[in-house]
Amino acid sequence: MNRFRSALACAAALATVAFTAWLSPLPAKANTLDLSTWTDLNSGKCLGVYGGNMTNGTSIVQWACNGNPDQTWEVQTVSGTPGNPTWTQIQNYQDPSKCLGVYGSGTSVPTNLVIWDCNGHADQEWQFVPWQVDSRGAPAGCFVIQNQNAAGKVIGVFNADTSDGAQTVIWDNLSEQGHHDQVWCPFALNG
């Protein structure tokens, strides 16, 4: 009987999380752990830290999804009020003291994305903008991820390369013109 009650409580909790996630336009809520892997619509590969190396300045690349912790990200809301954009910080699960950032706080294209100590700088703040499904039939819930410091610039894969180890960069938002390397789809690992 206790197992049945535990299973029922677990199912109810999962249904609540799924319903809440469905209502939320953003992949993160304030003070809520949200672990996801992010796959590039163009390549189907995951956003990760090159070689799993957590040294400041290590490149953020795409790689075949392999379940390694450097491909898992924790998205946390850092700012935003009603009517204003909500900005998030994206911490790496392998080392939560490290965040996704733009090398040297660069604002020109293409500037590389790197892992760096979380420091609250605007180059480490991101906004998730829901992407409109096109004729390619992308799954619902995909996003274009904008950088606060480099206004109008989004995360993309350099030259829309589909190979393992391709560098991610900030670039002008061309996602609506068919640049699917700038569209990222989450695979949630927990609610």
N, C-alpha and C. Protein backbone atom coordinates (compact mmCIF):
# COMPACT_ATOMS: atom_id res chain seq x y z
N MET A 1 0.81 -1.18 0.00
CA MET A 1 0.00 0.00 0.00
C MET A 1 0.87 1.26 0.00
N ASN A 2 1.95 1.25 0.79
CA ASN A 2 2.84 2.41 0.83
C ASN A 2 3.50 2.65 -0.52
N ARG A 3 3.87 1.56 -1.21
CA ARG A 3 4.47 1.71 -2.54
C ARG A 3 3.48 2.35 -3.49
N PHE A 4 2.21 1.93 -3.42
CA PHE A 4 1.18 2.48 -4.28
C PHE A 4 1.02 3.98 -4.02
N ARG A 5 0.96 4.37 -2.75
CA ARG A 5 0.82 5.80 -2.40
C ARG A 5 2.03 6.59 -2.88
N SER A 6 3.24 6.03 -2.71
CA SER A 6 4.45 6.71 -3.19
C SER A 6 4.43 6.88 -4.70
N ALA A 7 4.02 5.82 -5.41
CA ALA A 7 3.95 5.90 -6.87
C ALA A 7 2.91 6.92 -7.30
N LEU A 8 1.76 6.94 -6.63
CA LEU A 8 0.71 7.90 -6.94
C LEU A 8 1.18 9.33 -6.68
N ALA A 9 1.86 9.56 -5.56
CA ALA A 9 2.38 10.89 -5.24
C ALA A 9 3.41 11.32 -6.26
N CYS A 10 4.27 10.40 -6.67
CA CYS A 10 5.29 10.70 -7.68
C CYS A 10 4.64 11.07 -9.01
N ALA A 11 3.63 10.30 -9.43
CA ALA A 11 2.93 10.58 -10.68
C ALA A 11 2.26 11.94 -10.64
N ALA A 12 1.65 12.28 -9.52
CA ALA A 12 1.00 13.59 -9.38
C ALA A 12 2.02 14.71 -9.45
N ALA A 13 3.16 14.52 -8.82
CA ALA A 13 4.22 15.54 -8.86
C ALA A 13 4.73 15.73 -10.27
N LEU A 14 4.94 14.63 -11.00
CA LEU A 14 5.41 14.73 -12.37
C LEU A 14 4.38 15.42 -13.26
N ALA A 15 3.10 15.12 -13.07
CA ALA A 15 2.05 15.77 -13.86
C ALA A 15 2.02 17.27 -13.58
N THR A 16 2.20 17.66 -12.32
CA THR A 16 2.23 19.08 -11.96
C THR A 16 3.41 19.78 -12.62
N VAL A 17 4.59 19.14 -12.57
CA VAL A 17 5.79 19.72 -13.19
C VAL A 17 5.59 19.86 -14.68
N ALA A 18 5.04 18.81 -15.33
CA ALA A 18 4.83 18.86 -16.78
C ALA A 18 3.86 19.97 -17.14
N PHE A 19 2.76 20.12 -16.39
CA PHE A 19 1.78 21.16 -16.67
C PHE A 19 2.38 22.54 -16.46
N THR A 20 3.14 22.71 -15.38
CA THR A 20 3.79 23.99 -15.10
C THR A 20 4.78 24.35 -16.19
N ALA A 21 5.58 23.37 -16.63
CA ALA A 21 6.56 23.61 -17.70
C ALA A 21 5.85 24.00 -18.99
N TRP A 22 4.69 23.37 -19.27
CA TRP A 22 3.94 23.68 -20.48
C TRP A 22 3.45 25.12 -20.46
N LEU A 23 3.08 25.64 -19.31
CA LEU A 23 2.58 27.01 -19.19
C LEU A 23 3.69 28.05 -19.29
N SER A 24 4.92 27.70 -18.93
CA SER A 24 6.01 28.66 -18.85
C SER A 24 6.60 28.97 -20.23
N PRO A 25 6.69 30.26 -20.63
CA PRO A 25 7.28 30.61 -21.91
C PRO A 25 8.80 30.56 -21.89
N LEU A 26 9.39 30.46 -20.73
CA LEU A 26 10.84 30.42 -20.60
C LEU A 26 11.25 29.10 -19.98
N PRO A 27 12.49 28.65 -20.25
CA PRO A 27 12.92 27.39 -19.70
C PRO A 27 13.37 27.47 -18.26
N ALA A 28 13.28 28.61 -17.63
CA ALA A 28 13.75 28.72 -16.25
C ALA A 28 12.84 29.62 -15.45
N LYS A 29 12.79 29.37 -14.16
CA LYS A 29 12.03 30.21 -13.23
C LYS A 29 12.98 30.64 -12.13
N ALA A 30 12.70 31.75 -11.50
CA ALA A 30 13.56 32.25 -10.44
C ALA A 30 13.76 31.19 -9.37
N ASN A 31 15.01 31.01 -8.98
CA ASN A 31 15.38 30.11 -7.89
C ASN A 31 14.95 28.67 -8.11
N THR A 32 14.77 28.27 -9.34
CA THR A 32 14.37 26.90 -9.63
C THR A 32 15.45 26.22 -10.45
N LEU A 33 15.86 25.05 -10.00
CA LEU A 33 16.83 24.26 -10.74
C LEU A 33 16.17 23.75 -12.00
N ASP A 34 16.77 23.97 -13.14
CA ASP A 34 16.25 23.50 -14.41
C ASP A 34 17.43 22.96 -15.20
N LEU A 35 17.59 21.65 -15.20
CA LEU A 35 18.70 21.02 -15.91
C LEU A 35 18.23 20.58 -17.28
N SER A 36 18.98 20.95 -18.30
CA SER A 36 18.64 20.58 -19.67
C SER A 36 19.92 20.38 -20.47
N THR A 37 19.78 19.59 -21.52
CA THR A 37 20.78 19.62 -22.58
C THR A 37 20.14 20.43 -23.69
N TRP A 38 20.96 21.11 -24.48
CA TRP A 38 20.45 21.96 -25.56
C TRP A 38 20.99 21.43 -26.88
N THR A 39 20.08 21.05 -27.77
CA THR A 39 20.48 20.52 -29.06
C THR A 39 20.25 21.55 -30.15
N ASP A 40 21.19 21.60 -31.08
CA ASP A 40 21.12 22.51 -32.21
C ASP A 40 20.17 21.92 -33.26
N LEU A 41 19.21 22.70 -33.71
CA LEU A 41 18.23 22.21 -34.68
C LEU A 41 18.90 21.80 -35.98
N ASN A 42 19.95 22.50 -36.38
CA ASN A 42 20.62 22.22 -37.64
C ASN A 42 21.38 20.89 -37.61
N SER A 43 22.07 20.62 -36.52
CA SER A 43 22.95 19.44 -36.46
C SER A 43 22.42 18.31 -35.58
N GLY A 44 21.52 18.65 -34.65
CA GLY A 44 21.06 17.65 -33.69
C GLY A 44 22.08 17.36 -32.61
N LYS A 45 23.14 18.17 -32.53
CA LYS A 45 24.21 17.95 -31.55
C LYS A 45 24.02 18.85 -30.34
N CYS A 46 24.65 18.45 -29.24
CA CYS A 46 24.47 19.13 -27.96
C CYS A 46 25.50 20.23 -27.72
N LEU A 47 25.06 21.26 -27.01
CA LEU A 47 25.93 22.34 -26.56
C LEU A 47 26.76 21.82 -25.39
N GLY A 48 28.08 21.95 -25.47
CA GLY A 48 28.94 21.45 -24.40
C GLY A 48 30.25 22.20 -24.32
N VAL A 49 31.05 21.85 -23.35
CA VAL A 49 32.37 22.46 -23.14
C VAL A 49 33.41 21.54 -23.78
N TYR A 50 34.27 22.10 -24.60
CA TYR A 50 35.23 21.29 -25.35
C TYR A 50 36.06 20.40 -24.40
N GLY A 51 35.99 19.11 -24.62
CA GLY A 51 36.75 18.16 -23.82
C GLY A 51 36.33 18.09 -22.36
N GLY A 52 35.23 18.75 -21.99
CA GLY A 52 34.81 18.78 -20.59
C GLY A 52 35.76 19.56 -19.71
N ASN A 53 36.62 20.39 -20.33
CA ASN A 53 37.65 21.16 -19.62
C ASN A 53 37.03 22.44 -19.05
N MET A 54 37.02 22.56 -17.73
CA MET A 54 36.38 23.70 -17.07
C MET A 54 37.32 24.88 -16.82
N THR A 55 38.44 24.93 -17.51
CA THR A 55 39.35 26.06 -17.39
C THR A 55 38.73 27.28 -18.06
N ASN A 56 38.81 28.45 -17.41
CA ASN A 56 38.29 29.68 -18.01
C ASN A 56 38.82 29.84 -19.43
N GLY A 57 37.90 30.16 -20.35
CA GLY A 57 38.27 30.41 -21.74
C GLY A 57 38.14 29.20 -22.64
N THR A 58 37.79 28.04 -22.09
CA THR A 58 37.62 26.86 -22.94
C THR A 58 36.39 27.05 -23.82
N SER A 59 36.53 26.66 -25.08
CA SER A 59 35.47 26.86 -26.07
C SER A 59 34.20 26.09 -25.74
N ILE A 60 33.08 26.71 -26.06
CA ILE A 60 31.78 26.05 -26.04
C ILE A 60 31.54 25.58 -27.48
N VAL A 61 31.29 24.28 -27.62
CA VAL A 61 31.16 23.67 -28.93
C VAL A 61 29.89 22.83 -28.99
N GLN A 62 29.59 22.35 -30.18
CA GLN A 62 28.55 21.33 -30.31
C GLN A 62 29.25 19.99 -30.46
N TRP A 63 28.59 18.95 -29.92
CA TRP A 63 29.17 17.61 -29.97
C TRP A 63 28.02 16.62 -29.94
N ALA A 64 28.24 15.44 -30.49
CA ALA A 64 27.22 14.40 -30.41
C ALA A 64 26.79 14.25 -28.95
N CYS A 65 25.50 14.23 -28.72
CA CYS A 65 24.99 14.13 -27.35
C CYS A 65 25.45 12.80 -26.75
N ASN A 66 26.13 12.90 -25.59
CA ASN A 66 26.74 11.70 -25.00
C ASN A 66 26.44 11.54 -23.52
N GLY A 67 25.66 12.46 -22.95
CA GLY A 67 25.30 12.34 -21.54
C GLY A 67 26.37 12.82 -20.57
N ASN A 68 27.48 13.32 -21.08
CA ASN A 68 28.52 13.85 -20.18
C ASN A 68 28.01 15.11 -19.49
N PRO A 69 28.46 15.35 -18.24
CA PRO A 69 27.93 16.49 -17.48
C PRO A 69 28.25 17.85 -18.09
N ASP A 70 29.28 17.96 -18.94
CA ASP A 70 29.57 19.26 -19.56
C ASP A 70 28.52 19.64 -20.59
N GLN A 71 27.65 18.69 -20.97
CA GLN A 71 26.56 18.98 -21.91
C GLN A 71 25.24 19.26 -21.19
N THR A 72 25.29 19.36 -19.89
CA THR A 72 24.09 19.65 -19.11
C THR A 72 24.22 21.04 -18.51
N TRP A 73 23.15 21.80 -18.59
CA TRP A 73 23.16 23.21 -18.19
C TRP A 73 22.03 23.49 -17.22
N GLU A 74 22.33 24.35 -16.25
CA GLU A 74 21.34 24.80 -15.28
C GLU A 74 21.00 26.25 -15.62
N VAL A 75 19.74 26.49 -15.92
CA VAL A 75 19.30 27.83 -16.33
C VAL A 75 18.62 28.48 -15.14
N GLN A 76 19.10 29.67 -14.74
CA GLN A 76 18.55 30.39 -13.59
C GLN A 76 18.22 31.82 -13.98
N THR A 77 17.05 32.29 -13.58
CA THR A 77 16.68 33.68 -13.81
C THR A 77 17.53 34.58 -12.92
N VAL A 78 18.10 35.64 -13.52
CA VAL A 78 18.91 36.58 -12.74
C VAL A 78 18.29 37.97 -12.67
N SER A 79 17.44 38.33 -13.64
CA SER A 79 16.81 39.65 -13.60
C SER A 79 15.56 39.65 -14.46
N GLY A 80 14.76 40.66 -14.26
CA GLY A 80 13.56 40.81 -15.05
C GLY A 80 12.38 41.16 -14.16
N THR A 81 11.54 42.01 -14.67
CA THR A 81 10.31 42.41 -13.99
C THR A 81 9.20 42.38 -15.02
N PRO A 82 7.94 42.40 -14.58
CA PRO A 82 6.85 42.41 -15.56
C PRO A 82 7.04 43.54 -16.59
N GLY A 83 6.94 43.19 -17.84
CA GLY A 83 7.10 44.16 -18.92
C GLY A 83 8.52 44.35 -19.37
N ASN A 84 9.49 43.79 -18.63
CA ASN A 84 10.90 43.88 -19.01
C ASN A 84 11.43 42.49 -19.33
N PRO A 85 12.47 42.43 -20.15
CA PRO A 85 13.01 41.11 -20.49
C PRO A 85 13.50 40.35 -19.26
N THR A 86 13.35 39.05 -19.31
CA THR A 86 13.89 38.18 -18.27
C THR A 86 15.22 37.66 -18.76
N TRP A 87 16.27 37.89 -17.98
CA TRP A 87 17.62 37.45 -18.33
C TRP A 87 18.00 36.29 -17.43
N THR A 88 18.67 35.34 -18.01
CA THR A 88 19.08 34.15 -17.27
C THR A 88 20.59 33.99 -17.34
N GLN A 89 21.10 33.22 -16.39
CA GLN A 89 22.49 32.81 -16.46
C GLN A 89 22.45 31.30 -16.68
N ILE A 90 23.40 30.80 -17.47
CA ILE A 90 23.43 29.39 -17.82
C ILE A 90 24.70 28.78 -17.22
N GLN A 91 24.51 28.03 -16.13
CA GLN A 91 25.62 27.40 -15.43
C GLN A 91 25.83 26.00 -15.96
N ASN A 92 27.09 25.55 -15.92
CA ASN A 92 27.39 24.19 -16.37
C ASN A 92 27.23 23.22 -15.21
N TYR A 93 26.60 22.11 -15.45
CA TYR A 93 26.33 21.12 -14.41
C TYR A 93 27.61 20.46 -13.89
N GLN A 94 28.60 20.28 -14.77
CA GLN A 94 29.85 19.65 -14.34
C GLN A 94 30.55 20.48 -13.27
N ASP A 95 30.49 21.82 -13.41
CA ASP A 95 31.04 22.73 -12.42
C ASP A 95 30.11 23.94 -12.34
N PRO A 96 29.16 23.96 -11.40
CA PRO A 96 28.18 25.04 -11.32
C PRO A 96 28.76 26.43 -11.04
N SER A 97 30.06 26.52 -10.75
CA SER A 97 30.67 27.84 -10.58
C SER A 97 31.05 28.45 -11.93
N LYS A 98 30.82 27.71 -13.01
CA LYS A 98 31.18 28.15 -14.37
C LYS A 98 29.93 28.42 -15.18
N CYS A 99 29.98 29.52 -15.97
CA CYS A 99 28.84 29.95 -16.77
C CYS A 99 29.19 30.08 -18.24
N LEU A 100 28.16 29.99 -19.08
CA LEU A 100 28.28 30.25 -20.50
C LEU A 100 28.44 31.74 -20.70
N GLY A 101 29.48 32.15 -21.42
CA GLY A 101 29.72 33.57 -21.66
C GLY A 101 30.32 33.82 -23.02
N VAL A 102 30.47 35.09 -23.35
CA VAL A 102 31.06 35.51 -24.61
C VAL A 102 32.50 35.93 -24.33
N TYR A 103 33.44 35.38 -25.09
CA TYR A 103 34.85 35.65 -24.85
C TYR A 103 35.14 37.15 -24.85
N GLY A 104 35.78 37.62 -23.79
CA GLY A 104 36.17 39.02 -23.68
C GLY A 104 35.00 39.99 -23.68
N SER A 105 33.80 39.52 -23.37
CA SER A 105 32.59 40.35 -23.43
C SER A 105 32.40 40.96 -24.81
N GLY A 106 32.87 40.24 -25.83
CA GLY A 106 32.79 40.74 -27.20
C GLY A 106 31.37 40.96 -27.67
N THR A 107 31.22 41.90 -28.61
CA THR A 107 29.90 42.20 -29.17
C THR A 107 29.88 42.08 -30.70
N SER A 108 31.02 41.79 -31.30
CA SER A 108 31.06 41.68 -32.76
C SER A 108 30.90 40.23 -33.18
N VAL A 109 30.50 40.03 -34.43
CA VAL A 109 30.35 38.68 -34.96
C VAL A 109 31.59 38.30 -35.75
N PRO A 110 32.04 37.09 -35.68
CA PRO A 110 31.64 36.06 -34.73
C PRO A 110 32.58 36.08 -33.52
N THR A 111 32.05 36.25 -32.34
CA THR A 111 32.85 36.13 -31.12
C THR A 111 32.53 34.79 -30.48
N ASN A 112 33.57 34.07 -30.08
CA ASN A 112 33.41 32.72 -29.53
C ASN A 112 32.72 32.72 -28.18
N LEU A 113 31.97 31.65 -27.94
CA LEU A 113 31.41 31.40 -26.61
C LEU A 113 32.40 30.54 -25.84
N VAL A 114 32.50 30.82 -24.54
CA VAL A 114 33.45 30.13 -23.67
C VAL A 114 32.81 29.82 -22.33
N ILE A 115 33.46 28.96 -21.58
CA ILE A 115 33.08 28.72 -20.19
C ILE A 115 33.94 29.65 -19.34
N TRP A 116 33.36 30.22 -18.28
CA TRP A 116 34.09 31.19 -17.44
C TRP A 116 33.47 31.17 -16.05
N ASP A 117 34.25 31.60 -15.07
CA ASP A 117 33.70 31.75 -13.73
C ASP A 117 32.45 32.63 -13.80
N CYS A 118 31.39 32.21 -13.14
CA CYS A 118 30.17 33.02 -13.10
C CYS A 118 30.50 34.33 -12.38
N ASN A 119 30.25 35.46 -13.05
CA ASN A 119 30.66 36.75 -12.48
C ASN A 119 29.57 37.82 -12.56
N GLY A 120 28.40 37.49 -13.11
CA GLY A 120 27.31 38.46 -13.18
C GLY A 120 27.44 39.47 -14.29
N HIS A 121 28.45 39.36 -15.15
CA HIS A 121 28.59 40.30 -16.26
C HIS A 121 27.52 40.05 -17.31
N ALA A 122 27.19 41.08 -18.05
CA ALA A 122 26.11 41.00 -19.04
C ALA A 122 26.41 40.01 -20.15
N ASP A 123 27.69 39.70 -20.41
CA ASP A 123 27.99 38.72 -21.46
C ASP A 123 27.62 37.30 -21.02
N GLN A 124 27.30 37.13 -19.72
CA GLN A 124 26.85 35.83 -19.21
C GLN A 124 25.34 35.81 -18.96
N GLU A 125 24.63 36.80 -19.49
CA GLU A 125 23.19 36.84 -19.32
C GLU A 125 22.51 36.63 -20.67
N TRP A 126 21.49 35.77 -20.65
CA TRP A 126 20.85 35.29 -21.87
C TRP A 126 19.34 35.39 -21.74
N GLN A 127 18.70 35.63 -22.87
CA GLN A 127 17.24 35.64 -22.92
C GLN A 127 16.78 34.57 -23.91
N PHE A 128 15.84 33.74 -23.48
CA PHE A 128 15.30 32.68 -24.32
C PHE A 128 14.06 33.19 -25.03
N VAL A 129 14.13 33.29 -26.35
CA VAL A 129 13.02 33.78 -27.15
C VAL A 129 12.41 32.59 -27.89
N PRO A 130 11.13 32.30 -27.63
CA PRO A 130 10.52 31.17 -28.32
C PRO A 130 10.64 31.32 -29.83
N TRP A 131 11.02 30.24 -30.47
CA TRP A 131 11.20 30.26 -31.93
C TRP A 131 9.93 29.77 -32.60
N GLN A 132 9.56 30.46 -33.65
CA GLN A 132 8.35 30.09 -34.38
C GLN A 132 8.65 28.88 -35.27
N VAL A 133 7.83 27.87 -35.18
CA VAL A 133 8.01 26.67 -35.98
C VAL A 133 7.84 27.02 -37.46
N ASP A 134 8.76 26.53 -38.27
CA ASP A 134 8.69 26.79 -39.71
C ASP A 134 8.32 25.51 -40.44
N SER A 135 8.46 25.54 -41.75
CA SER A 135 8.07 24.38 -42.56
C SER A 135 8.91 23.15 -42.26
N ARG A 136 10.05 23.33 -41.60
CA ARG A 136 10.89 22.19 -41.27
C ARG A 136 10.25 21.36 -40.15
N GLY A 137 9.30 21.97 -39.45
CA GLY A 137 8.58 21.24 -38.43
C GLY A 137 9.38 21.02 -37.16
N ALA A 138 10.06 22.05 -36.71
CA ALA A 138 10.83 21.94 -35.46
C ALA A 138 9.90 21.61 -34.32
N PRO A 139 10.40 20.87 -33.34
CA PRO A 139 9.55 20.57 -32.20
C PRO A 139 9.20 21.85 -31.45
N ALA A 140 7.99 21.86 -30.88
CA ALA A 140 7.58 23.01 -30.08
C ALA A 140 8.53 23.15 -28.90
N GLY A 141 8.75 24.38 -28.46
CA GLY A 141 9.60 24.60 -27.29
C GLY A 141 11.04 24.89 -27.62
N CYS A 142 11.36 25.17 -28.88
CA CYS A 142 12.73 25.55 -29.24
C CYS A 142 12.89 27.06 -29.08
N PHE A 143 14.14 27.49 -28.94
CA PHE A 143 14.42 28.89 -28.63
C PHE A 143 15.58 29.43 -29.46
N VAL A 144 15.56 30.74 -29.62
CA VAL A 144 16.72 31.51 -30.05
C VAL A 144 17.22 32.15 -28.75
N ILE A 145 18.53 32.05 -28.49
CA ILE A 145 19.08 32.50 -27.21
C ILE A 145 19.90 33.77 -27.43
N GLN A 146 19.37 34.91 -26.97
CA GLN A 146 19.99 36.22 -27.17
C GLN A 146 20.92 36.56 -26.02
N ASN A 147 21.98 37.32 -26.34
CA ASN A 147 22.92 37.77 -25.33
C ASN A 147 22.59 39.21 -24.93
N GLN A 148 22.62 39.50 -23.63
CA GLN A 148 22.28 40.85 -23.16
C GLN A 148 23.34 41.86 -23.56
N ASN A 149 24.61 41.50 -23.44
CA ASN A 149 25.70 42.43 -23.71
C ASN A 149 25.80 42.78 -25.19
N ALA A 150 25.59 41.80 -26.05
CA ALA A 150 25.69 42.00 -27.50
C ALA A 150 24.26 42.05 -28.05
N ALA A 151 23.64 43.21 -27.91
CA ALA A 151 22.23 43.38 -28.27
C ALA A 151 21.94 42.86 -29.67
N GLY A 152 20.89 42.03 -29.76
CA GLY A 152 20.47 41.50 -31.05
C GLY A 152 21.26 40.29 -31.52
N LYS A 153 22.31 39.93 -30.81
CA LYS A 153 23.14 38.78 -31.21
C LYS A 153 22.65 37.53 -30.48
N VAL A 154 22.76 36.38 -31.16
CA VAL A 154 22.26 35.12 -30.62
C VAL A 154 23.34 34.04 -30.74
N ILE A 155 23.10 32.94 -30.01
CA ILE A 155 24.02 31.80 -30.08
C ILE A 155 23.79 31.06 -31.40
N GLY A 156 24.88 30.81 -32.10
CA GLY A 156 24.84 30.02 -33.33
C GLY A 156 26.09 29.17 -33.43
N VAL A 157 26.13 28.33 -34.43
CA VAL A 157 27.31 27.50 -34.70
C VAL A 157 28.03 28.13 -35.88
N PHE A 158 29.33 28.37 -35.72
CA PHE A 158 30.11 29.06 -36.75
C PHE A 158 29.98 28.33 -38.09
N ASN A 159 29.64 29.09 -39.11
CA ASN A 159 29.45 28.59 -40.48
C ASN A 159 28.39 27.50 -40.58
N ALA A 160 27.49 27.41 -39.62
CA ALA A 160 26.44 26.39 -39.60
C ALA A 160 27.03 24.99 -39.75
N ASP A 161 28.25 24.82 -39.26
CA ASP A 161 28.97 23.54 -39.32
C ASP A 161 28.19 22.49 -38.55
N THR A 162 28.14 21.27 -39.05
CA THR A 162 27.41 20.20 -38.37
C THR A 162 28.34 19.17 -37.73
N SER A 163 29.64 19.42 -37.74
CA SER A 163 30.58 18.42 -37.22
C SER A 163 30.79 18.56 -35.71
N ASP A 164 31.24 17.46 -35.09
CA ASP A 164 31.62 17.49 -33.68
C ASP A 164 32.74 18.50 -33.48
N GLY A 165 32.65 19.28 -32.41
CA GLY A 165 33.68 20.25 -32.09
C GLY A 165 33.53 21.59 -32.75
N ALA A 166 32.46 21.78 -33.53
CA ALA A 166 32.25 23.08 -34.18
C ALA A 166 32.02 24.16 -33.12
N GLN A 167 32.71 25.29 -33.29
CA GLN A 167 32.67 26.39 -32.33
C GLN A 167 31.32 27.09 -32.34
N THR A 168 30.81 27.41 -31.15
CA THR A 168 29.61 28.25 -31.05
C THR A 168 30.05 29.69 -30.87
N VAL A 169 29.25 30.60 -31.41
CA VAL A 169 29.58 32.02 -31.46
C VAL A 169 28.31 32.84 -31.25
N ILE A 170 28.49 34.14 -31.06
CA ILE A 170 27.34 35.05 -31.17
C ILE A 170 27.32 35.55 -32.61
N TRP A 171 26.10 35.76 -33.11
CA TRP A 171 25.93 36.16 -34.51
C TRP A 171 24.63 36.94 -34.59
N ASP A 172 24.50 37.75 -35.66
CA ASP A 172 23.23 38.43 -35.90
C ASP A 172 22.13 37.38 -36.00
N ASN A 173 20.95 37.72 -35.51
CA ASN A 173 19.84 36.78 -35.51
C ASN A 173 19.29 36.60 -36.92
N LEU A 174 19.59 35.45 -37.50
CA LEU A 174 19.11 35.11 -38.84
C LEU A 174 18.23 33.86 -38.81
N SER A 175 17.73 33.52 -37.62
CA SER A 175 16.97 32.28 -37.46
C SER A 175 15.71 32.26 -38.32
N GLU A 176 15.10 33.41 -38.52
CA GLU A 176 13.87 33.46 -39.32
C GLU A 176 14.17 33.36 -40.81
N GLN A 177 15.43 33.49 -41.19
CA GLN A 177 15.82 33.33 -42.60
C GLN A 177 16.37 31.93 -42.87
N GLY A 178 16.05 31.00 -42.00
CA GLY A 178 16.43 29.61 -42.24
C GLY A 178 17.75 29.18 -41.62
N HIS A 179 18.34 30.00 -40.78
CA HIS A 179 19.59 29.63 -40.12
C HIS A 179 19.27 28.81 -38.87
N HIS A 180 19.04 27.52 -39.07
CA HIS A 180 18.63 26.65 -37.97
C HIS A 180 19.76 26.34 -37.01
N ASP A 181 20.98 26.74 -37.35
CA ASP A 181 22.10 26.59 -36.39
C ASP A 181 21.94 27.56 -35.22
N GLN A 182 21.00 28.49 -35.31
CA GLN A 182 20.74 29.45 -34.24
C GLN A 182 19.51 29.07 -33.41
N VAL A 183 18.97 27.89 -33.64
CA VAL A 183 17.79 27.44 -32.92
C VAL A 183 18.18 26.28 -32.02
N TRP A 184 17.83 26.40 -30.73
CA TRP A 184 18.24 25.42 -29.71
C TRP A 184 17.02 24.84 -29.04
N CYS A 185 17.00 23.53 -28.95
CA CYS A 185 15.85 22.81 -28.40
C CYS A 185 16.28 22.08 -27.13
N PRO A 186 15.52 22.27 -26.05
CA PRO A 186 15.91 21.64 -24.78
C PRO A 186 15.43 20.21 -24.68
N PHE A 187 16.22 19.45 -23.97
CA PHE A 187 15.79 18.13 -23.53
C PHE A 187 15.89 18.18 -22.02
N ALA A 188 14.76 18.35 -21.36
CA ALA A 188 14.77 18.55 -19.92
C ALA A 188 15.13 17.26 -19.19
N LEU A 189 16.03 17.37 -18.22
CA LEU A 189 16.44 16.23 -17.42
C LEU A 189 15.68 16.16 -16.12
N ASN A 190 15.12 17.29 -15.70
CA ASN A 190 14.22 17.32 -14.54
C ASN A 190 13.39 18.58 -14.63
N GLY A 191 12.36 18.70 -13.79
CA GLY A 191 11.46 19.84 -13.86
C GLY A 191 11.95 20.94 -13.00
